[in-house]
Amino acid sequence: MAFLTPVGVTEAPARDVVRLLKTNINPVAKDIRDVTLRHTRYGVTVFTNNAQTITDIQNAINENAVTRTAMTIRIPARRNPHVRFSGVDPDLGPEEFLRLLDERNPTLQIGVDISKVKVTFRERGGTKAYVVEVDPEAFRRIMASPCLSVGWTMVHASEDLHVPTCTFCASYGHRRSSCPAAADPTNAVCTKCGAEGHVGAACPVRMGDATVCCAACRHVGLEAVGHPTGFSGFPLLQEKVARLRARMHYGGA
């Protein structure tokens, strides 16, 4: 991901950025591919599944005298990988969990001083799950041995690439608690059938019914019938997961 904004004040920042790109940069010559440009209030957001593409865009902008002086590019810092630990003893708090994980599995070298528990939630069966941010080296060691002993239990580690799904408006990128449309009940969109006016929890449609429809896929013109919003096996959500992965720092360049 990258943010492109014009240097000066313009009446149509997004349009002007796109015009500058199209006029001055040949994407074929610069081997720029797999890119989506989204207009924003202040310019353009560039989405891609490939971190190298962002570097290629940055180089192309800086190499051209016009684009170099007419726009700025900001690339958010890549974040460290997140690991979900499932099956954690519910009596273990975050700090104790990290301490025991490190003590019982010293070869992981997780670094309790730099690893951070980002999310905690309950699982079915009464266990806990912790989502922990770790450094790239520790991430590789954890993924090589995902079944780990912590206290009296065995926990399972997996990479956490969760894309928030709003259960109110049936779209991706935020939760219901922060949905800008949630103040008006008539704005609800069903995550099961895709209809407006009600949420999935109030929908009588069952998985497998012919009326199951993904509102998010329908909105962007993809195949929407037969799966609900949030179903991991369909391209729209897979694309968003790929974009999230491209923002991770796994080590190396």
C-alpha atoms as a PDB file:
ATOM      1  CA  MET A   1       0.000   0.000   0.000  1.00  0.00           C
ATOM      2  CA  ALA A   2       1.093   3.567  -0.687  1.00  0.00           C
ATOM      3  CA  PHE A   3      -0.499   7.020  -0.525  1.00  0.00           C
ATOM      4  CA  LEU A   4      -0.008   9.463  -3.399  1.00  0.00           C
ATOM      5  CA  THR A   5      -0.867  13.131  -2.908  1.00  0.00           C
ATOM      6  CA  PRO A   6      -0.258  16.253  -5.031  1.00  0.00           C
ATOM      7  CA  VAL A   7       2.302  18.715  -3.713  1.00  0.00           C
ATOM      8  CA  GLY A   8       0.127  21.781  -4.255  1.00  0.00           C
ATOM      9  CA  VAL A   9      -3.502  22.443  -3.394  1.00  0.00           C
ATOM     10  CA  THR A  10      -5.835  21.316  -6.186  1.00  0.00           C
ATOM     11  CA  GLU A  11      -9.591  21.082  -6.609  1.00  0.00           C
ATOM     12  CA  ALA A  12      -9.435  17.391  -7.564  1.00  0.00           C
ATOM     13  CA  PRO A  13      -6.399  15.763  -5.895  1.00  0.00           C
ATOM     14  CA  ALA A  14      -7.210  12.185  -6.922  1.00  0.00           C
ATOM     15  CA  ARG A  15      -7.903  13.074 -10.541  1.00  0.00           C
ATOM     16  CA  ASP A  16      -4.718  15.134 -10.774  1.00  0.00           C
ATOM     17  CA  VAL A  17      -2.552  12.350  -9.318  1.00  0.00           C
ATOM     18  CA  VAL A  18      -3.961   9.806 -11.770  1.00  0.00           C
ATOM     19  CA  ARG A  19      -3.438  12.226 -14.662  1.00  0.00           C
ATOM     20  CA  LEU A  20       0.203  12.735 -13.649  1.00  0.00           C
ATOM     21  CA  LEU A  21       0.790   8.994 -13.448  1.00  0.00           C
ATOM     22  CA  LYS A  22      -0.793   8.242 -16.816  1.00  0.00           C
ATOM     23  CA  THR A  23       0.945  11.122 -18.577  1.00  0.00           C
ATOM     24  CA  ASN A  24       4.458  10.559 -17.248  1.00  0.00           C
ATOM     25  CA  ILE A  25       4.892   6.892 -16.294  1.00  0.00           C
ATOM     26  CA  ASN A  26       4.544   3.875 -18.560  1.00  0.00           C
ATOM     27  CA  PRO A  27       3.606   0.946 -16.288  1.00  0.00           C
ATOM     28  CA  VAL A  28       4.723  -1.612 -18.889  1.00  0.00           C
ATOM     29  CA  ALA A  29       8.185  -0.074 -19.211  1.00  0.00           C
ATOM     30  CA  LYS A  30       8.552   0.053 -15.420  1.00  0.00           C
ATOM     31  CA  ASP A  31       7.115  -3.464 -14.944  1.00  0.00           C
ATOM     32  CA  ILE A  32       4.347  -2.118 -12.695  1.00  0.00           C
ATOM     33  CA  ARG A  33       1.475  -4.585 -12.457  1.00  0.00           C
ATOM     34  CA  ASP A  34      -1.130  -5.949 -10.055  1.00  0.00           C
ATOM     35  CA  VAL A  35      -2.173  -2.446  -8.958  1.00  0.00           C
ATOM     36  CA  THR A  36      -5.479  -0.943  -7.880  1.00  0.00           C
ATOM     37  CA  LEU A  37      -5.834   2.839  -7.554  1.00  0.00           C
ATOM     38  CA  ARG A  38      -8.507   4.074  -5.183  1.00  0.00           C
ATOM     39  CA  HIS A  39      -9.497   7.739  -5.152  1.00  0.00           C
ATOM     40  CA  THR A  40      -9.514   9.432  -1.758  1.00  0.00           C
ATOM     41  CA  ARG A  41     -10.217  12.922  -0.538  1.00  0.00           C
ATOM     42  CA  TYR A  42      -6.534  13.877  -0.587  1.00  0.00           C
ATOM     43  CA  GLY A  43      -5.188  11.850  -3.498  1.00  0.00           C
ATOM     44  CA  VAL A  44      -4.872   8.174  -4.385  1.00  0.00           C
ATOM     45  CA  THR A  45      -4.270   5.025  -2.374  1.00  0.00           C
ATOM     46  CA  VAL A  46      -2.329   2.328  -4.220  1.00  0.00           C
ATOM     47  CA  PHE A  47      -3.172  -1.277  -3.386  1.00  0.00           C
ATOM     48  CA  THR A  48      -1.135  -4.261  -4.504  1.00  0.00           C
ATOM     49  CA  ASN A  49      -0.407  -7.809  -3.388  1.00  0.00           C
ATOM     50  CA  ASN A  50       3.297  -7.390  -4.104  1.00  0.00           C
ATOM     51  CA  ALA A  51       5.604  -5.258  -1.963  1.00  0.00           C
ATOM     52  CA  GLN A  52       8.087  -4.994  -4.855  1.00  0.00           C
ATOM     53  CA  THR A  53       5.437  -3.222  -6.921  1.00  0.00           C
ATOM     54  CA  ILE A  54       5.308  -0.394  -4.373  1.00  0.00           C
ATOM     55  CA  THR A  55       9.079  -0.040  -4.628  1.00  0.00           C
ATOM     56  CA  ASP A  56       8.835   0.040  -8.428  1.00  0.00           C
ATOM     57  CA  ILE A  57       6.181   2.777  -8.269  1.00  0.00           C
ATOM     58  CA  GLN A  58       8.273   4.811  -5.852  1.00  0.00           C
ATOM     59  CA  ASN A  59      11.327   4.522  -8.111  1.00  0.00           C
ATOM     60  CA  ALA A  60       9.311   5.448 -11.196  1.00  0.00           C
ATOM     61  CA  ILE A  61       7.915   8.566  -9.505  1.00  0.00           C
ATOM     62  CA  ASN A  62      11.335   9.672  -8.241  1.00  0.00           C
ATOM     63  CA  GLU A  63      13.043   9.059 -11.589  1.00  0.00           C
ATOM     64  CA  ASN A  64      10.628  11.313 -13.478  1.00  0.00           C
ATOM     65  CA  ALA A  65      11.245  15.046 -13.113  1.00  0.00           C
ATOM     66  CA  VAL A  66       7.545  15.938 -13.370  1.00  0.00           C
ATOM     67  CA  THR A  67       6.105  13.412 -10.937  1.00  0.00           C
ATOM     68  CA  ARG A  68       9.011  13.867  -8.535  1.00  0.00           C
ATOM     69  CA  THR A  69       8.143  17.536  -8.039  1.00  0.00           C
ATOM     70  CA  ALA A  70       4.351  17.327  -8.437  1.00  0.00           C
ATOM     71  CA  MET A  71       3.432  14.542  -6.012  1.00  0.00           C
ATOM     72  CA  THR A  72       4.554  12.825  -2.846  1.00  0.00           C
ATOM     73  CA  ILE A  73       4.455   9.132  -2.050  1.00  0.00           C
ATOM     74  CA  ARG A  74       4.121   7.834   1.488  1.00  0.00           C
ATOM     75  CA  ILE A  75       4.617   4.147   2.228  1.00  0.00           C
ATOM     76  CA  PRO A  76       3.378   2.968   5.637  1.00  0.00           C
ATOM     77  CA  ALA A  77       5.938   1.039   7.643  1.00  0.00           C
ATOM     78  CA  ARG A  78       5.487  -2.699   7.356  1.00  0.00           C
ATOM     79  CA  ARG A  79       4.435  -4.302  10.603  1.00  0.00           C
ATOM     80  CA  ASN A  80       5.858  -7.399  12.230  1.00  0.00           C
ATOM     81  CA  PRO A  81       4.000 -10.697  11.773  1.00  0.00           C
ATOM     82  CA  HIS A  82       1.080 -11.584  14.036  1.00  0.00           C
ATOM     83  CA  VAL A  83       0.702 -15.103  15.411  1.00  0.00           C
ATOM     84  CA  ARG A  84      -2.502 -16.536  16.817  1.00  0.00           C
ATOM     85  CA  PHE A  85      -2.027 -18.972  19.694  1.00  0.00           C
ATOM     86  CA  SER A  86      -5.161 -21.100  20.140  1.00  0.00           C
ATOM     87  CA  GLY A  87      -6.122 -23.339  23.042  1.00  0.00           C
ATOM     88  CA  VAL A  88      -4.558 -21.218  25.780  1.00  0.00           C
ATOM     89  CA  ASP A  89      -5.444 -21.929  29.417  1.00  0.00           C
ATOM     90  CA  PRO A  90      -8.100 -19.312  30.320  1.00  0.00           C
ATOM     91  CA  ASP A  91      -6.384 -18.689  33.664  1.00  0.00           C
ATOM     92  CA  LEU A  92      -3.238 -17.350  31.985  1.00  0.00           C
ATOM     93  CA  GLY A  93      -2.942 -13.605  31.582  1.00  0.00           C
ATOM     94  CA  PRO A  94      -1.007 -12.028  28.686  1.00  0.00           C
ATOM     95  CA  GLU A  95       2.272 -11.485  30.532  1.00  0.00           C
ATOM     96  CA  GLU A  96       2.242 -14.933  32.144  1.00  0.00           C
ATOM     97  CA  PHE A  97       1.426 -16.550  28.814  1.00  0.00           C
ATOM     98  CA  LEU A  98       4.429 -14.937  27.123  1.00  0.00           C
ATOM     99  CA  ARG A  99       6.680 -15.851  30.043  1.00  0.00           C
ATOM    100  CA  LEU A 100       5.618 -19.516  30.019  1.00  0.00           C
ATOM    101  CA  LEU A 101       5.810 -19.673  26.231  1.00  0.00           C
ATOM    102  CA  ASP A 102       9.401 -18.469  26.409  1.00  0.00           C
ATOM    103  CA  GLU A 103      10.361 -20.715  29.346  1.00  0.00           C
ATOM    104  CA  ARG A 104       8.883 -23.926  27.923  1.00  0.00           C
ATOM    105  CA  ASN A 105      10.084 -23.245  24.380  1.00  0.00           C
ATOM    106  CA  PRO A 106      13.487 -21.536  24.728  1.00  0.00           C
ATOM    107  CA  THR A 107      14.556 -22.354  21.157  1.00  0.00           C
ATOM    108  CA  LEU A 108      11.872 -19.985  19.848  1.00  0.00           C
ATOM    109  CA  GLN A 109      13.687 -16.974  21.314  1.00  0.00           C
ATOM    110  CA  ILE A 110      10.476 -14.984  21.161  1.00  0.00           C
ATOM    111  CA  GLY A 111      11.859 -12.058  23.142  1.00  0.00           C
ATOM    112  CA  VAL A 112       9.279 -11.369  25.854  1.00  0.00           C
ATOM    113  CA  ASP A 113      10.429  -7.748  26.003  1.00  0.00           C
ATOM    114  CA  ILE A 114       9.575  -7.058  22.358  1.00  0.00           C
ATOM    115  CA  SER A 115       6.693  -9.471  21.703  1.00  0.00           C
ATOM    116  CA  LYS A 116       3.287  -7.896  22.307  1.00  0.00           C
ATOM    117  CA  VAL A 117      -0.128  -9.424  22.889  1.00  0.00           C
ATOM    118  CA  LYS A 118      -2.365  -7.430  20.536  1.00  0.00           C
ATOM    119  CA  VAL A 119      -5.727  -9.214  20.874  1.00  0.00           C
ATOM    120  CA  THR A 120      -7.313 -11.595  23.370  1.00  0.00           C
ATOM    121  CA  PHE A 121     -10.577 -13.460  22.892  1.00  0.00           C
ATOM    122  CA  ARG A 122     -12.491 -16.488  24.130  1.00  0.00           C
ATOM    123  CA  GLU A 123     -12.775 -19.640  22.076  1.00  0.00           C
ATOM    124  CA  ARG A 124     -15.391 -22.338  22.030  1.00  0.00           C
ATOM    125  CA  GLY A 125     -14.714 -24.842  24.756  1.00  0.00           C
ATOM    126  CA  GLY A 126     -13.614 -22.185  27.229  1.00  0.00           C
ATOM    127  CA  THR A 127     -10.022 -21.710  26.086  1.00  0.00           C
ATOM    128  CA  LYS A 128      -8.403 -18.407  25.134  1.00  0.00           C
ATOM    129  CA  ALA A 129      -6.655 -17.256  22.005  1.00  0.00           C
ATOM    130  CA  TYR A 130      -3.893 -14.670  21.993  1.00  0.00           C
ATOM    131  CA  VAL A 131      -2.733 -12.770  18.933  1.00  0.00           C
ATOM    132  CA  VAL A 132       0.903 -11.828  19.472  1.00  0.00           C
ATOM    133  CA  GLU A 133       3.141  -9.553  17.425  1.00  0.00           C
ATOM    134  CA  VAL A 134       6.604 -11.104  17.096  1.00  0.00           C
ATOM    135  CA  ASP A 135       9.770 -10.262  15.191  1.00  0.00           C
ATOM    136  CA  PRO A 136      10.363 -11.944  11.804  1.00  0.00           C
ATOM    137  CA  GLU A 137      13.000 -14.361  13.100  1.00  0.00           C
ATOM    138  CA  ALA A 138      10.791 -15.587  15.956  1.00  0.00           C
ATOM    139  CA  PHE A 139       7.882 -15.890  13.525  1.00  0.00           C
ATOM    140  CA  ARG A 140       9.822 -18.273  11.302  1.00  0.00           C
ATOM    141  CA  ARG A 141      10.830 -20.409  14.278  1.00  0.00           C
ATOM    142  CA  ILE A 142       7.255 -20.557  15.572  1.00  0.00           C
ATOM    143  CA  MET A 143       5.826 -21.516  12.193  1.00  0.00           C
ATOM    144  CA  ALA A 144       8.388 -24.331  11.945  1.00  0.00           C
ATOM    145  CA  SER A 145       7.057 -25.845  15.220  1.00  0.00           C
ATOM    146  CA  PRO A 146       3.440 -24.683  15.582  1.00  0.00           C
ATOM    147  CA  CYS A 147       2.463 -27.127  18.374  1.00  0.00           C
ATOM    148  CA  LEU A 148       3.851 -25.687  21.594  1.00  0.00           C
ATOM    149  CA  SER A 149       3.722 -26.489  25.290  1.00  0.00           C
ATOM    150  CA  VAL A 150       2.556 -23.684  27.577  1.00  0.00           C
ATOM    151  CA  GLY A 151       1.916 -24.550  31.210  1.00  0.00           C
ATOM    152  CA  TRP A 152      -0.369 -27.587  31.393  1.00  0.00           C
ATOM    153  CA  THR A 153      -1.653 -27.277  27.843  1.00  0.00           C
ATOM    154  CA  MET A 154      -0.556 -27.596  24.244  1.00  0.00           C
ATOM    155  CA  VAL A 155      -1.331 -24.579  22.092  1.00  0.00           C
ATOM    156  CA  HIS A 156      -1.420 -24.295  18.316  1.00  0.00           C
ATOM    157  CA  ALA A 157       0.218 -21.375  16.527  1.00  0.00           C
ATOM    158  CA  SER A 158      -0.860 -20.013  13.147  1.00  0.00           C
ATOM    159  CA  GLU A 159      -0.308 -16.767  11.291  1.00  0.00           C
ATOM    160  CA  ASP A 160      -3.049 -14.242  11.972  1.00  0.00           C
ATOM    161  CA  LEU A 161      -4.092 -12.404   8.822  1.00  0.00           C
ATOM    162  CA  HIS A 162      -7.536 -11.372   9.965  1.00  0.00           C
ATOM    163  CA  VAL A 163      -9.510  -8.972   7.790  1.00  0.00           C
ATOM    164  CA  PRO A 164     -12.275  -7.330   9.871  1.00  0.00           C
ATOM    165  CA  THR A 165     -15.795  -7.979   8.589  1.00  0.00           C
ATOM    166  CA  CYS A 166     -18.641  -5.671   9.565  1.00  0.00           C
ATOM    167  CA  THR A 167     -21.745  -7.617  10.575  1.00  0.00           C
ATOM    168  CA  PHE A 168     -23.869  -4.485  10.100  1.00  0.00           C
ATOM    169  CA  CYS A 169     -23.043  -3.268   6.585  1.00  0.00           C
ATOM    170  CA  ALA A 170     -21.522  -6.548   5.283  1.00  0.00           C
ATOM    171  CA  SER A 171     -18.263  -4.975   4.127  1.00  0.00           C
ATOM    172  CA  TYR A 172     -14.591  -5.476   4.943  1.00  0.00           C
ATOM    173  CA  GLY A 173     -12.082  -3.299   6.751  1.00  0.00           C
ATOM    174  CA  HIS A 174     -13.937  -2.446   9.949  1.00  0.00           C
ATOM    175  CA  ARG A 175     -16.169  -3.954  12.626  1.00  0.00           C
ATOM    176  CA  ARG A 176     -19.737  -3.154  13.550  1.00  0.00           C
ATOM    177  CA  SER A 177     -18.576  -1.164  16.584  1.00  0.00           C
ATOM    178  CA  SER A 178     -16.876   1.359  14.278  1.00  0.00           C
ATOM    179  CA  CYS A 179     -19.259   1.172  11.304  1.00  0.00           C
ATOM    180  CA  PRO A 180     -20.137   4.685  10.060  1.00  0.00           C
ATOM    181  CA  ALA A 181     -23.567   3.444   8.920  1.00  0.00           C
ATOM    182  CA  ALA A 182     -24.595   1.719  12.147  1.00  0.00           C
ATOM    183  CA  ALA A 183     -26.488   4.712  13.558  1.00  0.00           C
ATOM    184  CA  ASP A 184     -29.376   4.091  11.147  1.00  0.00           C
ATOM    185  CA  PRO A 185     -30.922   0.574  11.303  1.00  0.00           C
ATOM    186  CA  THR A 186     -32.221   0.953   7.749  1.00  0.00           C
ATOM    187  CA  ASN A 187     -28.610   0.920   6.510  1.00  0.00           C
ATOM    188  CA  ALA A 188     -28.147  -2.695   7.589  1.00  0.00           C
ATOM    189  CA  VAL A 189     -27.012  -5.214   4.964  1.00  0.00           C
ATOM    190  CA  CYS A 190     -27.308  -8.944   5.578  1.00  0.00           C
ATOM    191  CA  THR A 191     -24.110 -11.004   5.616  1.00  0.00           C
ATOM    192  CA  LYS A 192     -26.124 -14.112   4.661  1.00  0.00           C
ATOM    193  CA  CYS A 193     -28.541 -13.134   1.892  1.00  0.00           C
ATOM    194  CA  GLY A 194     -27.141  -9.727   0.935  1.00  0.00           C
ATOM    195  CA  ALA A 195     -30.491  -7.976   1.347  1.00  0.00           C
ATOM    196  CA  GLU A 196     -30.796  -4.511   2.859  1.00  0.00           C
ATOM    197  CA  GLY A 197     -32.747  -3.698   6.005  1.00  0.00           C
ATOM    198  CA  HIS A 198     -31.601  -6.469   8.346  1.00  0.00           C
ATOM    199  CA  VAL A 199     -28.407  -8.044   9.686  1.00  0.00           C
ATOM    200  CA  GLY A 200     -27.281 -11.633   9.343  1.00  0.00           C
ATOM    201  CA  ALA A 201     -28.174 -12.536  12.929  1.00  0.00           C
ATOM    202  CA  ALA A 202     -31.835 -11.782  12.164  1.00  0.00           C
ATOM    203  CA  CYS A 203     -31.909 -13.555   8.786  1.00  0.00           C
ATOM    204  CA  PRO A 204     -33.804 -16.864   8.417  1.00  0.00           C
ATOM    205  CA  VAL A 205     -31.617 -17.950   5.486  1.00  0.00           C
ATOM    206  CA  ARG A 206     -29.416 -20.955   6.232  1.00  0.00           C
ATOM    207  CA  MET A 207     -26.051 -21.804   4.752  1.00  0.00           C
ATOM    208  CA  GLY A 208     -26.655 -23.924   1.659  1.00  0.00           C
ATOM    209  CA  ASP A 209     -29.900 -22.194   0.717  1.00  0.00           C
ATOM    210  CA  ALA A 210     -30.193 -20.896  -2.830  1.00  0.00           C
ATOM    211  CA  THR A 211     -30.676 -17.350  -1.515  1.00  0.00           C
ATOM    212  CA  VAL A 212     -27.266 -17.146   0.183  1.00  0.00           C
ATOM    213  CA  CYS A 213     -25.479 -14.148  -1.325  1.00  0.00           C
ATOM    214  CA  CYS A 214     -22.342 -12.139  -0.509  1.00  0.00           C
ATOM    215  CA  ALA A 215     -23.090  -8.411  -0.543  1.00  0.00           C
ATOM    216  CA  ALA A 216     -19.382  -7.491  -0.595  1.00  0.00           C
ATOM    217  CA  CYS A 217     -18.647  -9.556  -3.728  1.00  0.00           C
ATOM    218  CA  ARG A 218     -21.824  -8.318  -5.403  1.00  0.00           C
ATOM    219  CA  HIS A 219     -20.791  -4.722  -4.761  1.00  0.00           C
ATOM    220  CA  VAL A 220     -17.573  -5.139  -6.773  1.00  0.00           C
ATOM    221  CA  GLY A 221     -19.109  -7.262  -9.516  1.00  0.00           C
ATOM    222  CA  LEU A 222     -17.760 -10.676  -8.483  1.00  0.00           C
ATOM    223  CA  GLU A 223     -19.662 -13.953  -8.235  1.00  0.00           C
ATOM    224  CA  ALA A 224     -21.811 -13.478  -5.130  1.00  0.00           C
ATOM    225  CA  VAL A 225     -24.337 -16.321  -5.061  1.00  0.00           C
ATOM    226  CA  GLY A 226     -23.725 -19.341  -2.853  1.00  0.00           C
ATOM    227  CA  HIS A 227     -21.459 -17.903  -0.170  1.00  0.00           C
ATOM    228  CA  PRO A 228     -21.921 -15.385   2.667  1.00  0.00           C
ATOM    229  CA  THR A 229     -19.892 -12.268   3.346  1.00  0.00           C
ATOM    230  CA  GLY A 230     -16.696 -13.265   5.129  1.00  0.00           C
ATOM    231  CA  PHE A 231     -16.325 -16.683   3.486  1.00  0.00           C
ATOM    232  CA  SER A 232     -12.577 -17.249   3.161  1.00  0.00           C
ATOM    233  CA  GLY A 233     -12.690 -19.347   0.005  1.00  0.00           C
ATOM    234  CA  PHE A 234     -13.680 -16.577  -2.410  1.00  0.00           C
ATOM    235  CA  PRO A 235     -11.453 -14.129  -4.329  1.00  0.00           C
ATOM    236  CA  LEU A 236     -12.452 -10.807  -2.750  1.00  0.00           C
ATOM    237  CA  LEU A 237     -11.459 -11.794   0.779  1.00  0.00           C
ATOM    238  CA  GLN A 238      -8.417 -13.688  -0.489  1.00  0.00           C
ATOM    239  CA  GLU A 239      -7.289 -10.532  -2.267  1.00  0.00           C
ATOM    240  CA  LYS A 240      -7.616  -8.502   0.921  1.00  0.00           C
ATOM    241  CA  VAL A 241      -5.634 -11.117   2.850  1.00  0.00           C
ATOM    242  CA  ALA A 242      -2.923 -10.975   0.181  1.00  0.00           C
ATOM    243  CA  ARG A 243      -2.762  -7.189   0.525  1.00  0.00           C
ATOM    244  CA  LEU A 244      -2.442  -7.534   4.283  1.00  0.00           C
ATOM    245  CA  ARG A 245       0.369 -10.061   3.845  1.00  0.00           C
ATOM    246  CA  ALA A 246       2.188  -7.646   1.524  1.00  0.00           C
ATOM    247  CA  ARG A 247       2.280  -5.116   4.382  1.00  0.00           C
ATOM    248  CA  MET A 248       4.022  -7.540   6.748  1.00  0.00           C
ATOM    249  CA  HIS A 249       7.738  -7.501   7.513  1.00  0.00           C
ATOM    250  CA  TYR A 250       8.974 -11.073   7.222  1.00  0.00           C
ATOM    251  CA  GLY A 251      12.649 -10.174   7.174  1.00  0.00           C
ATOM    252  CA  GLY A 252      14.999  -9.467   4.316  1.00  0.00           C
ATOM    253  CA  ALA A 253      14.519  -6.517   1.978  1.00  0.00           C
END
